[in-house]
Amino acid sequence: MARRRKSSRGACSVVACDTEAVRSLSRRRVATALTDLEVAEGRRAYLCKDHYKKYRKATKVDRTIDRITWQ
């Protein structure tokens, strides 16, 4: 059976958002993708479900290009 890490994520790293975080990403990548939002300082950015969805939509073209060039 696999070990599960204890979740220490807490709240979303976007300023003025107190929703529980579900994903952890590099703060630099989040800050460049979501320029209209203010991300808290730190090495990692913890995003709630709604902000993660916005991040995915903002990086869709980049991820598609990366996938095409990888083949």
C-alpha atoms as a PDB file:
ATOM      1  CA  MET A   1       0.000   0.000   0.000  1.00  0.00           C
ATOM      2  CA  ALA A   2       1.338   3.433  -0.917  1.00  0.00           C
ATOM      3  CA  ARG A   3       2.114   5.996   1.745  1.00  0.00           C
ATOM      4  CA  ARG A   4       0.168   9.199   1.610  1.00  0.00           C
ATOM      5  CA  ARG A   5       1.773  12.494   2.454  1.00  0.00           C
ATOM      6  CA  LYS A   6       0.209  14.576   5.110  1.00  0.00           C
ATOM      7  CA  SER A   7      -1.476  17.561   3.500  1.00  0.00           C
ATOM      8  CA  SER A   8       0.065  20.801   4.697  1.00  0.00           C
ATOM      9  CA  ARG A   9      -1.251  23.004   1.940  1.00  0.00           C
ATOM     10  CA  GLY A  10      -3.760  25.068   3.861  1.00  0.00           C
ATOM     11  CA  ALA A  11      -5.347  28.046   2.142  1.00  0.00           C
ATOM     12  CA  CYS A  12      -4.983  29.271  -1.421  1.00  0.00           C
ATOM     13  CA  SER A  13      -1.927  31.501  -2.039  1.00  0.00           C
ATOM     14  CA  VAL A  14      -3.912  34.050  -4.033  1.00  0.00           C
ATOM     15  CA  VAL A  15      -4.372  37.183  -1.940  1.00  0.00           C
ATOM     16  CA  ALA A  16      -7.951  37.563  -0.593  1.00  0.00           C
ATOM     17  CA  CYS A  17      -8.819  33.900  -1.222  1.00  0.00           C
ATOM     18  CA  ASP A  18      -9.360  31.718   1.843  1.00  0.00           C
ATOM     19  CA  THR A  19     -10.454  28.559   0.031  1.00  0.00           C
ATOM     20  CA  GLU A  20      -8.620  25.302   0.757  1.00  0.00           C
ATOM     21  CA  ALA A  21      -5.776  24.585  -1.675  1.00  0.00           C
ATOM     22  CA  VAL A  22      -5.828  21.454  -3.828  1.00  0.00           C
ATOM     23  CA  ARG A  23      -2.678  21.912  -5.943  1.00  0.00           C
ATOM     24  CA  SER A  24       0.889  23.080  -5.378  1.00  0.00           C
ATOM     25  CA  LEU A  25       2.840  24.717  -8.218  1.00  0.00           C
ATOM     26  CA  SER A  26       5.894  26.880  -8.736  1.00  0.00           C
ATOM     27  CA  ARG A  27       5.081  30.427  -7.670  1.00  0.00           C
ATOM     28  CA  ARG A  28       6.951  31.886 -10.654  1.00  0.00           C
ATOM     29  CA  ARG A  29       4.885  29.927 -13.160  1.00  0.00           C
ATOM     30  CA  VAL A  30       1.645  30.882 -11.462  1.00  0.00           C
ATOM     31  CA  ALA A  31       2.631  34.553 -11.242  1.00  0.00           C
ATOM     32  CA  THR A  32       3.519  34.717 -14.949  1.00  0.00           C
ATOM     33  CA  ALA A  33       0.372  32.871 -16.043  1.00  0.00           C
ATOM     34  CA  LEU A  34      -2.059  34.712 -13.779  1.00  0.00           C
ATOM     35  CA  THR A  35      -0.823  38.285 -14.088  1.00  0.00           C
ATOM     36  CA  ASP A  36      -4.191  39.734 -13.044  1.00  0.00           C
ATOM     37  CA  LEU A  37      -4.021  38.021  -9.628  1.00  0.00           C
ATOM     38  CA  GLU A  38      -1.673  38.766  -6.753  1.00  0.00           C
ATOM     39  CA  VAL A  39       0.109  35.648  -5.498  1.00  0.00           C
ATOM     40  CA  ALA A  40       1.586  35.532  -1.994  1.00  0.00           C
ATOM     41  CA  GLU A  41       5.363  35.331  -1.564  1.00  0.00           C
ATOM     42  CA  GLY A  42       7.097  32.020  -1.148  1.00  0.00           C
ATOM     43  CA  ARG A  43       8.635  29.245  -3.168  1.00  0.00           C
ATOM     44  CA  ARG A  44       5.416  27.347  -3.887  1.00  0.00           C
ATOM     45  CA  ALA A  45       1.961  28.620  -4.788  1.00  0.00           C
ATOM     46  CA  TYR A  46      -0.958  26.667  -3.416  1.00  0.00           C
ATOM     47  CA  LEU A  47      -4.079  27.021  -5.539  1.00  0.00           C
ATOM     48  CA  CYS A  48      -7.710  26.253  -4.852  1.00  0.00           C
ATOM     49  CA  LYS A  49      -9.834  24.479  -7.435  1.00  0.00           C
ATOM     50  CA  ASP A  50     -11.094  27.699  -9.073  1.00  0.00           C
ATOM     51  CA  HIS A  51      -7.678  29.344  -9.380  1.00  0.00           C
ATOM     52  CA  TYR A  52      -6.106  26.104 -10.629  1.00  0.00           C
ATOM     53  CA  LYS A  53      -8.749  26.007 -13.361  1.00  0.00           C
ATOM     54  CA  LYS A  54      -7.826  29.578 -14.365  1.00  0.00           C
ATOM     55  CA  TYR A  55      -4.142  28.603 -14.376  1.00  0.00           C
ATOM     56  CA  ARG A  56      -4.835  25.614 -16.637  1.00  0.00           C
ATOM     57  CA  LYS A  57      -6.791  27.783 -19.085  1.00  0.00           C
ATOM     58  CA  ALA A  58      -4.054  30.436 -19.114  1.00  0.00           C
ATOM     59  CA  THR A  59      -1.325  27.876 -19.890  1.00  0.00           C
ATOM     60  CA  LYS A  60      -3.251  25.715 -22.349  1.00  0.00           C
ATOM     61  CA  VAL A  61      -1.421  26.963 -25.454  1.00  0.00           C
ATOM     62  CA  ASP A  62       2.003  26.590 -23.825  1.00  0.00           C
ATOM     63  CA  ARG A  63       1.248  23.064 -22.687  1.00  0.00           C
ATOM     64  CA  THR A  64       0.011  22.120 -26.163  1.00  0.00           C
ATOM     65  CA  ILE A  65       3.181  23.464 -27.797  1.00  0.00           C
ATOM     66  CA  ASP A  66       5.331  21.583 -25.285  1.00  0.00           C
ATOM     67  CA  ARG A  67       3.473  18.364 -26.030  1.00  0.00           C
ATOM     68  CA  ILE A  68       3.881  18.785 -29.818  1.00  0.00           C
ATOM     69  CA  THR A  69       7.586  19.549 -29.672  1.00  0.00           C
ATOM     70  CA  TRP A  70       8.234  16.639 -27.304  1.00  0.00           C
ATOM     71  CA  GLN A  71       7.220  14.016 -29.860  1.00  0.00           C
END
